[in-house]
Amino acid sequence: MTTNPNMSWVYDTMFSIPGMNEAVKIDLKLNRKTILLLDSVIGIGLSNKEGESAPGLTEMIPKEMQDELRAFSEECLSKAGLTELSIKLKNFPGK
């Protein structure tokens, strides 16, 4: 799929706004279902497999941000004690 040049411009503009690189502390309380779903959504959105990723999303988001999103997802799974379950679900036969 090709990247929509207008959306690339929008993301690039948003990412360049002053202060966008500043860390923000967020206190979240999520249930385990939401954490598993969030991990799946992040994984699909950042997937490089043909037909799995959101159209053009991986081309619009810098590699560092993709890594940060993956790390966030892994941290949420770890804190919820769901890392092993998530791995097993991702390797489920027939997927």
PDB file of N, CA and C in Angstrom:
ATOM      1  N   MET A   1       0.832  -1.187   0.000  1.00  0.00           N
ATOM      2  CA  MET A   1       0.000   0.000   0.000  1.00  0.00           C
ATOM      3  C   MET A   1       0.874   1.247   0.000  1.00  0.00           C
ATOM      4  N   THR A   2       0.360   2.262  -0.610  1.00  0.00           N
ATOM      5  CA  THR A   2       1.105   3.511  -0.632  1.00  0.00           C
ATOM      6  C   THR A   2       0.651   4.401   0.515  1.00  0.00           C
ATOM      7  N   THR A   3       1.559   5.236   0.946  1.00  0.00           N
ATOM      8  CA  THR A   3       1.265   6.152   2.034  1.00  0.00           C
ATOM      9  C   THR A   3       0.525   7.366   1.495  1.00  0.00           C
ATOM     10  N   ASN A   4      -0.513   7.782   2.179  1.00  0.00           N
ATOM     11  CA  ASN A   4      -1.240   8.981   1.810  1.00  0.00           C
ATOM     12  C   ASN A   4      -0.358  10.184   2.135  1.00  0.00           C
ATOM     13  N   PRO A   5       0.068  10.964   1.121  1.00  0.00           N
ATOM     14  CA  PRO A   5       0.970  12.086   1.388  1.00  0.00           C
ATOM     15  C   PRO A   5       0.373  13.125   2.334  1.00  0.00           C
ATOM     16  N   ASN A   6      -0.932  13.321   2.307  1.00  0.00           N
ATOM     17  CA  ASN A   6      -1.558  14.292   3.202  1.00  0.00           C
ATOM     18  C   ASN A   6      -1.473  13.831   4.655  1.00  0.00           C
ATOM     19  N   MET A   7      -1.714  12.555   4.898  1.00  0.00           N
ATOM     20  CA  MET A   7      -1.634  12.038   6.263  1.00  0.00           C
ATOM     21  C   MET A   7      -0.191  12.060   6.759  1.00  0.00           C
ATOM     22  N   SER A   8       0.752  11.779   5.883  1.00  0.00           N
ATOM     23  CA  SER A   8       2.165  11.852   6.267  1.00  0.00           C
ATOM     24  C   SER A   8       2.501  13.270   6.711  1.00  0.00           C
ATOM     25  N   TRP A   9       1.994  14.239   5.994  1.00  0.00           N
ATOM     26  CA  TRP A   9       2.248  15.634   6.338  1.00  0.00           C
ATOM     27  C   TRP A   9       1.623  15.968   7.692  1.00  0.00           C
ATOM     28  N   VAL A  10       0.394  15.485   7.923  1.00  0.00           N
ATOM     29  CA  VAL A  10      -0.299  15.755   9.181  1.00  0.00           C
ATOM     30  C   VAL A  10       0.495  15.166  10.349  1.00  0.00           C
ATOM     31  N   TYR A  11       0.900  13.904  10.236  1.00  0.00           N
ATOM     32  CA  TYR A  11       1.680  13.279  11.312  1.00  0.00           C
ATOM     33  C   TYR A  11       3.000  14.010  11.510  1.00  0.00           C
ATOM     34  N   ASP A  12       3.691  14.313  10.440  1.00  0.00           N
ATOM     35  CA  ASP A  12       4.969  15.012  10.535  1.00  0.00           C
ATOM     36  C   ASP A  12       4.794  16.366  11.220  1.00  0.00           C
ATOM     37  N   THR A  13       3.726  17.071  10.901  1.00  0.00           N
ATOM     38  CA  THR A  13       3.441  18.368  11.520  1.00  0.00           C
ATOM     39  C   THR A  13       3.143  18.198  13.016  1.00  0.00           C
ATOM     40  N   MET A  14       2.323  17.222  13.358  1.00  0.00           N
ATOM     41  CA  MET A  14       1.996  16.999  14.772  1.00  0.00           C
ATOM     42  C   MET A  14       3.237  16.631  15.573  1.00  0.00           C
ATOM     43  N   PHE A  15       4.092  15.798  15.008  1.00  0.00           N
ATOM     44  CA  PHE A  15       5.283  15.352  15.723  1.00  0.00           C
ATOM     45  C   PHE A  15       6.307  16.464  15.892  1.00  0.00           C
ATOM     46  N   SER A  16       6.223  17.503  15.079  1.00  0.00           N
ATOM     47  CA  SER A  16       7.221  18.575  15.152  1.00  0.00           C
ATOM     48  C   SER A  16       6.789  19.742  16.044  1.00  0.00           C
ATOM     49  N   ILE A  17       5.609  19.677  16.620  1.00  0.00           N
ATOM     50  CA  ILE A  17       5.124  20.734  17.511  1.00  0.00           C
ATOM     51  C   ILE A  17       6.024  20.783  18.742  1.00  0.00           C
ATOM     52  N   PRO A  18       6.443  21.985  19.162  1.00  0.00           N
ATOM     53  CA  PRO A  18       7.295  22.081  20.355  1.00  0.00           C
ATOM     54  C   PRO A  18       6.651  21.402  21.569  1.00  0.00           C
ATOM     55  N   GLY A  19       7.464  20.675  22.293  1.00  0.00           N
ATOM     56  CA  GLY A  19       6.997  19.999  23.494  1.00  0.00           C
ATOM     57  C   GLY A  19       6.482  18.587  23.266  1.00  0.00           C
ATOM     58  N   MET A  20       6.394  18.140  22.023  1.00  0.00           N
ATOM     59  CA  MET A  20       5.872  16.808  21.754  1.00  0.00           C
ATOM     60  C   MET A  20       6.808  15.703  22.252  1.00  0.00           C
ATOM     61  N   ASN A  21       8.082  16.008  22.460  1.00  0.00           N
ATOM     62  CA  ASN A  21       9.028  15.005  22.949  1.00  0.00           C
ATOM     63  C   ASN A  21       9.118  14.962  24.469  1.00  0.00           C
ATOM     64  N   GLU A  22       8.389  15.852  25.147  1.00  0.00           N
ATOM     65  CA  GLU A  22       8.420  15.877  26.605  1.00  0.00           C
ATOM     66  C   GLU A  22       7.662  14.675  27.173  1.00  0.00           C
ATOM     67  N   ALA A  23       8.234  14.057  28.186  1.00  0.00           N
ATOM     68  CA  ALA A  23       7.588  12.921  28.834  1.00  0.00           C
ATOM     69  C   ALA A  23       6.393  13.401  29.652  1.00  0.00           C
ATOM     70  N   VAL A  24       5.348  12.592  29.670  1.00  0.00           N
ATOM     71  CA  VAL A  24       4.131  12.889  30.416  1.00  0.00           C
ATOM     72  C   VAL A  24       3.833  11.684  31.295  1.00  0.00           C
ATOM     73  N   LYS A  25       3.637  11.915  32.575  1.00  0.00           N
ATOM     74  CA  LYS A  25       3.315  10.826  33.489  1.00  0.00           C
ATOM     75  C   LYS A  25       1.805  10.648  33.506  1.00  0.00           C
ATOM     76  N   ILE A  26       1.395   9.404  33.267  1.00  0.00           N
ATOM     77  CA  ILE A  26      -0.028   9.090  33.237  1.00  0.00           C
ATOM     78  C   ILE A  26      -0.267   7.924  34.185  1.00  0.00           C
ATOM     79  N   ASP A  27      -1.180   8.099  35.110  1.00  0.00           N
ATOM     80  CA  ASP A  27      -1.530   7.032  36.036  1.00  0.00           C
ATOM     81  C   ASP A  27      -2.776   6.344  35.490  1.00  0.00           C
ATOM     82  N   LEU A  28      -2.596   5.122  34.986  1.00  0.00           N
ATOM     83  CA  LEU A  28      -3.700   4.392  34.373  1.00  0.00           C
ATOM     84  C   LEU A  28      -4.095   3.192  35.215  1.00  0.00           C
ATOM     85  N   LYS A  29      -5.344   2.915  35.238  1.00  0.00           N
ATOM     86  CA  LYS A  29      -5.845   1.686  35.835  1.00  0.00           C
ATOM     87  C   LYS A  29      -6.700   1.026  34.766  1.00  0.00           C
ATOM     88  N   LEU A  30      -6.140  -0.034  34.170  1.00  0.00           N
ATOM     89  CA  LEU A  30      -6.826  -0.746  33.098  1.00  0.00           C
ATOM     90  C   LEU A  30      -7.062  -2.183  33.514  1.00  0.00           C
ATOM     91  N   ASN A  31      -8.178  -2.753  33.050  1.00  0.00           N
ATOM     92  CA  ASN A  31      -8.380  -4.172  33.335  1.00  0.00           C
ATOM     93  C   ASN A  31      -7.562  -5.006  32.351  1.00  0.00           C
ATOM     94  N   ARG A  32      -7.380  -6.262  32.663  1.00  0.00           N
ATOM     95  CA  ARG A  32      -6.515  -7.130  31.856  1.00  0.00           C
ATOM     96  C   ARG A  32      -7.050  -7.315  30.434  1.00  0.00           C
ATOM     97  N   LYS A  33      -8.361  -7.332  30.257  1.00  0.00           N
ATOM     98  CA  LYS A  33      -8.937  -7.445  28.906  1.00  0.00           C
ATOM     99  C   LYS A  33      -8.485  -6.277  28.049  1.00  0.00           C
ATOM    100  N   THR A  34      -8.548  -5.089  28.604  1.00  0.00           N
ATOM    101  CA  THR A  34      -8.161  -3.895  27.859  1.00  0.00           C
ATOM    102  C   THR A  34      -6.677  -3.925  27.510  1.00  0.00           C
ATOM    103  N   ILE A  35      -5.854  -4.400  28.438  1.00  0.00           N
ATOM    104  CA  ILE A  35      -4.414  -4.470  28.185  1.00  0.00           C
ATOM    105  C   ILE A  35      -4.122  -5.451  27.052  1.00  0.00           C
ATOM    106  N   LEU A  36      -4.782  -6.621  27.057  1.00  0.00           N
ATOM    107  CA  LEU A  36      -4.580  -7.580  25.961  1.00  0.00           C
ATOM    108  C   LEU A  36      -5.027  -6.993  24.625  1.00  0.00           C
ATOM    109  N   LEU A  37      -6.163  -6.312  24.627  1.00  0.00           N
ATOM    110  CA  LEU A  37      -6.645  -5.694  23.389  1.00  0.00           C
ATOM    111  C   LEU A  37      -5.721  -4.570  22.920  1.00  0.00           C
ATOM    112  N   LEU A  38      -5.237  -3.760  23.854  1.00  0.00           N
ATOM    113  CA  LEU A  38      -4.315  -2.683  23.510  1.00  0.00           C
ATOM    114  C   LEU A  38      -3.047  -3.250  22.882  1.00  0.00           C
ATOM    115  N   ASP A  39      -2.515  -4.334  23.450  1.00  0.00           N
ATOM    116  CA  ASP A  39      -1.338  -4.980  22.889  1.00  0.00           C
ATOM    117  C   ASP A  39      -1.607  -5.448  21.458  1.00  0.00           C
ATOM    118  N   SER A  40      -2.774  -6.038  21.231  1.00  0.00           N
ATOM    119  CA  SER A  40      -3.124  -6.503  19.881  1.00  0.00           C
ATOM    120  C   SER A  40      -3.251  -5.346  18.900  1.00  0.00           C
ATOM    121  N   VAL A  41      -3.896  -4.279  19.328  1.00  0.00           N
ATOM    122  CA  VAL A  41      -4.080  -3.117  18.453  1.00  0.00           C
ATOM    123  C   VAL A  41      -2.733  -2.493  18.083  1.00  0.00           C
ATOM    124  N   ILE A  42      -1.853  -2.353  19.067  1.00  0.00           N
ATOM    125  CA  ILE A  42      -0.530  -1.799  18.796  1.00  0.00           C
ATOM    126  C   ILE A  42       0.239  -2.734  17.862  1.00  0.00           C
ATOM    127  N   GLY A  43       0.178  -4.031  18.135  1.00  0.00           N
ATOM    128  CA  GLY A  43       0.880  -4.996  17.290  1.00  0.00           C
ATOM    129  C   GLY A  43       0.402  -4.974  15.850  1.00  0.00           C
ATOM    130  N   ILE A  44      -0.906  -4.945  15.651  1.00  0.00           N
ATOM    131  CA  ILE A  44      -1.458  -4.912  14.293  1.00  0.00           C
ATOM    132  C   ILE A  44      -1.119  -3.587  13.617  1.00  0.00           C
ATOM    133  N   GLY A  45      -1.243  -2.493  14.357  1.00  0.00           N
ATOM    134  CA  GLY A  45      -0.964  -1.180  13.786  1.00  0.00           C
ATOM    135  C   GLY A  45       0.477  -1.011  13.347  1.00  0.00           C
ATOM    136  N   LEU A  46       1.400  -1.685  14.035  1.00  0.00           N
ATOM    137  CA  LEU A  46       2.816  -1.552  13.711  1.00  0.00           C
ATOM    138  C   LEU A  46       3.365  -2.746  12.946  1.00  0.00           C
ATOM    139  N   SER A  47       2.498  -3.670  12.588  1.00  0.00           N
ATOM    140  CA  SER A  47       2.937  -4.859  11.866  1.00  0.00           C
ATOM    141  C   SER A  47       3.428  -4.471  10.478  1.00  0.00           C
ATOM    142  N   ASN A  48       4.447  -5.158  10.027  1.00  0.00           N
ATOM    143  CA  ASN A  48       4.966  -4.926   8.672  1.00  0.00           C
ATOM    144  C   ASN A  48       4.492  -5.988   7.711  1.00  0.00           C
ATOM    145  N   LYS A  49       3.640  -6.920   8.183  1.00  0.00           N
ATOM    146  CA  LYS A  49       3.154  -7.988   7.328  1.00  0.00           C
ATOM    147  C   LYS A  49       2.126  -7.439   6.347  1.00  0.00           C
ATOM    148  N   GLU A  50       2.200  -7.915   5.120  1.00  0.00           N
ATOM    149  CA  GLU A  50       1.279  -7.484   4.076  1.00  0.00           C
ATOM    150  C   GLU A  50      -0.162  -7.755   4.498  1.00  0.00           C
ATOM    151  N   GLY A  51      -0.998  -6.750   4.414  1.00  0.00           N
ATOM    152  CA  GLY A  51      -2.411  -6.895   4.722  1.00  0.00           C
ATOM    153  C   GLY A  51      -2.755  -6.844   6.200  1.00  0.00           C
ATOM    154  N   GLU A  52      -1.760  -6.788   7.091  1.00  0.00           N
ATOM    155  CA  GLU A  52      -2.043  -6.763   8.524  1.00  0.00           C
ATOM    156  C   GLU A  52      -1.946  -5.374   9.111  1.00  0.00           C
ATOM    157  N   SER A  53      -1.018  -4.575   8.648  1.00  0.00           N
ATOM    158  CA  SER A  53      -0.809  -3.270   9.268  1.00  0.00           C
ATOM    159  C   SER A  53      -1.845  -2.263   8.788  1.00  0.00           C
ATOM    160  N   ALA A  54      -1.988  -1.223   9.570  1.00  0.00           N
ATOM    161  CA  ALA A  54      -2.846  -0.117   9.147  1.00  0.00           C
ATOM    162  C   ALA A  54      -2.205   0.501   7.906  1.00  0.00           C
ATOM    163  N   PRO A  55      -2.972   0.834   6.890  1.00  0.00           N
ATOM    164  CA  PRO A  55      -2.398   1.312   5.636  1.00  0.00           C
ATOM    165  C   PRO A  55      -1.449   2.489   5.815  1.00  0.00           C
ATOM    166  N   GLY A  56      -0.187   2.263   5.497  1.00  0.00           N
ATOM    167  CA  GLY A  56       0.799   3.338   5.503  1.00  0.00           C
ATOM    168  C   GLY A  56       1.246   3.810   6.868  1.00  0.00           C
ATOM    169  N   LEU A  57       0.724   3.232   7.931  1.00  0.00           N
ATOM    170  CA  LEU A  57       1.029   3.724   9.270  1.00  0.00           C
ATOM    171  C   LEU A  57       2.504   3.572   9.598  1.00  0.00           C
ATOM    172  N   THR A  58       3.086   2.425   9.278  1.00  0.00           N
ATOM    173  CA  THR A  58       4.487   2.207   9.624  1.00  0.00           C
ATOM    174  C   THR A  58       5.416   3.151   8.873  1.00  0.00           C
ATOM    175  N   GLU A  59       5.000   3.607   7.712  1.00  0.00           N
ATOM    176  CA  GLU A  59       5.821   4.552   6.961  1.00  0.00           C
ATOM    177  C   GLU A  59       5.726   5.971   7.527  1.00  0.00           C
ATOM    178  N   MET A  60       4.630   6.263   8.222  1.00  0.00           N
ATOM    179  CA  MET A  60       4.415   7.620   8.744  1.00  0.00           C
ATOM    180  C   MET A  60       5.010   7.817  10.130  1.00  0.00           C
ATOM    181  N   ILE A  61       5.203   6.737  10.883  1.00  0.00           N
ATOM    182  CA  ILE A  61       5.677   6.857  12.259  1.00  0.00           C
ATOM    183  C   ILE A  61       7.157   6.525  12.309  1.00  0.00           C
ATOM    184  N   PRO A  62       7.969   7.414  12.868  1.00  0.00           N
ATOM    185  CA  PRO A  62       9.402   7.149  12.973  1.00  0.00           C
ATOM    186  C   PRO A  62       9.682   5.867  13.759  1.00  0.00           C
ATOM    187  N   LYS A  63      10.749   5.182  13.397  1.00  0.00           N
ATOM    188  CA  LYS A  63      11.137   3.913  14.032  1.00  0.00           C
ATOM    189  C   LYS A  63      11.222   4.045  15.551  1.00  0.00           C
ATOM    190  N   GLU A  64      11.773   5.162  16.044  1.00  0.00           N
ATOM    191  CA  GLU A  64      11.912   5.356  17.491  1.00  0.00           C
ATOM    192  C   GLU A  64      10.552   5.344  18.179  1.00  0.00           C
ATOM    193  N   MET A  65       9.545   5.952  17.544  1.00  0.00           N
ATOM    194  CA  MET A  65       8.199   5.989  18.131  1.00  0.00           C
ATOM    195  C   MET A  65       7.564   4.603  18.094  1.00  0.00           C
ATOM    196  N   GLN A  66       7.813   3.861  17.028  1.00  0.00           N
ATOM    197  CA  GLN A  66       7.301   2.502  16.954  1.00  0.00           C
ATOM    198  C   GLN A  66       7.885   1.657  18.079  1.00  0.00           C
ATOM    199  N   ASP A  67       9.199   1.801  18.293  1.00  0.00           N
ATOM    200  CA  ASP A  67       9.860   1.067  19.375  1.00  0.00           C
ATOM    201  C   ASP A  67       9.295   1.458  20.736  1.00  0.00           C
ATOM    202  N   GLU A  68       9.004   2.741  20.903  1.00  0.00           N
ATOM    203  CA  GLU A  68       8.450   3.239  22.166  1.00  0.00           C
ATOM    204  C   GLU A  68       7.049   2.658  22.413  1.00  0.00           C
ATOM    205  N   LEU A  69       6.237   2.581  21.355  1.00  0.00           N
ATOM    206  CA  LEU A  69       4.900   2.000  21.488  1.00  0.00           C
ATOM    207  C   LEU A  69       4.974   0.516  21.833  1.00  0.00           C
ATOM    208  N   ARG A  70       5.891  -0.198  21.180  1.00  0.00           N
ATOM    209  CA  ARG A  70       6.062  -1.625  21.484  1.00  0.00           C
ATOM    210  C   ARG A  70       6.505  -1.810  22.935  1.00  0.00           C
ATOM    211  N   ALA A  71       7.448  -0.977  23.386  1.00  0.00           N
ATOM    212  CA  ALA A  71       7.941  -1.072  24.766  1.00  0.00           C
ATOM    213  C   ALA A  71       6.815  -0.782  25.754  1.00  0.00           C
ATOM    214  N   PHE A  72       5.964   0.196  25.454  1.00  0.00           N
ATOM    215  CA  PHE A  72       4.824   0.518  26.308  1.00  0.00           C
ATOM    216  C   PHE A  72       3.882  -0.680  26.404  1.00  0.00           C
ATOM    217  N   SER A  73       3.614  -1.281  25.268  1.00  0.00           N
ATOM    218  CA  SER A  73       2.738  -2.439  25.227  1.00  0.00           C
ATOM    219  C   SER A  73       3.315  -3.587  26.057  1.00  0.00           C
ATOM    220  N   GLU A  74       4.608  -3.846  25.900  1.00  0.00           N
ATOM    221  CA  GLU A  74       5.275  -4.913  26.654  1.00  0.00           C
ATOM    222  C   GLU A  74       5.266  -4.620  28.156  1.00  0.00           C
ATOM    223  N   GLU A  75       5.457  -3.359  28.515  1.00  0.00           N
ATOM    224  CA  GLU A  75       5.445  -2.977  29.927  1.00  0.00           C
ATOM    225  C   GLU A  75       4.054  -3.198  30.532  1.00  0.00           C
ATOM    226  N   CYS A  76       3.020  -2.831  29.805  1.00  0.00           N
ATOM    227  CA  CYS A  76       1.647  -3.044  30.295  1.00  0.00           C
ATOM    228  C   CYS A  76       1.385  -4.529  30.503  1.00  0.00           C
ATOM    229  N   LEU A  77       1.791  -5.361  29.528  1.00  0.00           N
ATOM    230  CA  LEU A  77       1.600  -6.801  29.654  1.00  0.00           C
ATOM    231  C   LEU A  77       2.342  -7.347  30.865  1.00  0.00           C
ATOM    232  N   SER A  78       3.559  -6.886  31.039  1.00  0.00           N
ATOM    233  CA  SER A  78       4.388  -7.362  32.144  1.00  0.00           C
ATOM    234  C   SER A  78       3.759  -7.006  33.491  1.00  0.00           C
ATOM    235  N   LYS A  79       3.336  -5.756  33.645  1.00  0.00           N
ATOM    236  CA  LYS A  79       2.742  -5.310  34.899  1.00  0.00           C
ATOM    237  C   LYS A  79       1.441  -6.048  35.215  1.00  0.00           C
ATOM    238  N   ALA A  80       0.736  -6.477  34.164  1.00  0.00           N
ATOM    239  CA  ALA A  80      -0.526  -7.185  34.360  1.00  0.00           C
ATOM    240  C   ALA A  80      -0.321  -8.696  34.466  1.00  0.00           C
ATOM    241  N   GLY A  81       0.923  -9.145  34.298  1.00  0.00           N
ATOM    242  CA  GLY A  81       1.202 -10.574  34.353  1.00  0.00           C
ATOM    243  C   GLY A  81       0.655 -11.330  33.157  1.00  0.00           C
ATOM    244  N   LEU A  82       0.609 -10.657  32.001  1.00  0.00           N
ATOM    245  CA  LEU A  82       0.003 -11.243  30.808  1.00  0.00           C
ATOM    246  C   LEU A  82       0.988 -11.513  29.673  1.00  0.00           C
ATOM    247  N   THR A  83       2.267 -11.373  29.922  1.00  0.00           N
ATOM    248  CA  THR A  83       3.258 -11.529  28.858  1.00  0.00           C
ATOM    249  C   THR A  83       3.189 -12.923  28.244  1.00  0.00           C
ATOM    250  N   GLU A  84       3.216 -13.938  29.069  1.00  0.00           N
ATOM    251  CA  GLU A  84       3.209 -15.315  28.564  1.00  0.00           C
ATOM    252  C   GLU A  84       1.907 -15.619  27.816  1.00  0.00           C
ATOM    253  N   LEU A  85       0.785 -15.186  28.351  1.00  0.00           N
ATOM    254  CA  LEU A  85      -0.495 -15.396  27.678  1.00  0.00           C
ATOM    255  C   LEU A  85      -0.505 -14.720  26.319  1.00  0.00           C
ATOM    256  N   SER A  86      -0.008 -13.509  26.254  1.00  0.00           N
ATOM    257  CA  SER A  86       0.032 -12.769  24.991  1.00  0.00           C
ATOM    258  C   SER A  86       0.878 -13.507  23.951  1.00  0.00           C
ATOM    259  N   ILE A  87       2.023 -14.015  24.368  1.00  0.00           N
ATOM    260  CA  ILE A  87       2.894 -14.761  23.450  1.00  0.00           C
ATOM    261  C   ILE A  87       2.181 -16.004  22.935  1.00  0.00           C
ATOM    262  N   LYS A  88       1.509 -16.721  23.838  1.00  0.00           N
ATOM    263  CA  LYS A  88       0.789 -17.928  23.436  1.00  0.00           C
ATOM    264  C   LYS A  88      -0.354 -17.597  22.471  1.00  0.00           C
ATOM    265  N   LEU A  89      -1.060 -16.512  22.714  1.00  0.00           N
ATOM    266  CA  LEU A  89      -2.143 -16.108  21.822  1.00  0.00           C
ATOM    267  C   LEU A  89      -1.614 -15.740  20.439  1.00  0.00           C
ATOM    268  N   LYS A  90      -0.470 -15.067  20.399  1.00  0.00           N
ATOM    269  CA  LYS A  90       0.120 -14.663  19.114  1.00  0.00           C
ATOM    270  C   LYS A  90       0.612 -15.869  18.323  1.00  0.00           C
ATOM    271  N   ASN A  91       0.969 -16.951  19.025  1.00  0.00           N
ATOM    272  CA  ASN A  91       1.463 -18.161  18.365  1.00  0.00           C
ATOM    273  C   ASN A  91       0.389 -19.233  18.247  1.00  0.00           C
ATOM    274  N   PHE A  92      -0.860 -18.871  18.472  1.00  0.00           N
ATOM    275  CA  PHE A  92      -1.961 -19.808  18.429  1.00  0.00           C
ATOM    276  C   PHE A  92      -2.044 -20.439  17.045  1.00  0.00           C
ATOM    277  N   PRO A  93      -2.151 -21.787  16.985  1.00  0.00           N
ATOM    278  CA  PRO A  93      -2.252 -22.446  15.673  1.00  0.00           C
ATOM    279  C   PRO A  93      -3.471 -21.953  14.891  1.00  0.00           C
ATOM    280  N   GLY A  94      -3.272 -21.767  13.625  1.00  0.00           N
ATOM    281  CA  GLY A  94      -4.366 -21.330  12.766  1.00  0.00           C
ATOM    282  C   GLY A  94      -4.492 -19.827  12.658  1.00  0.00           C
ATOM    283  N   LYS A  95      -3.640 -19.102  13.378  1.00  0.00           N
ATOM    284  CA  LYS A  95      -3.726 -17.643  13.307  1.00  0.00           C
ATOM    285  C   LYS A  95      -3.077 -17.170  12.028  1.00  0.00           C
TER     286      LYS A  95
END
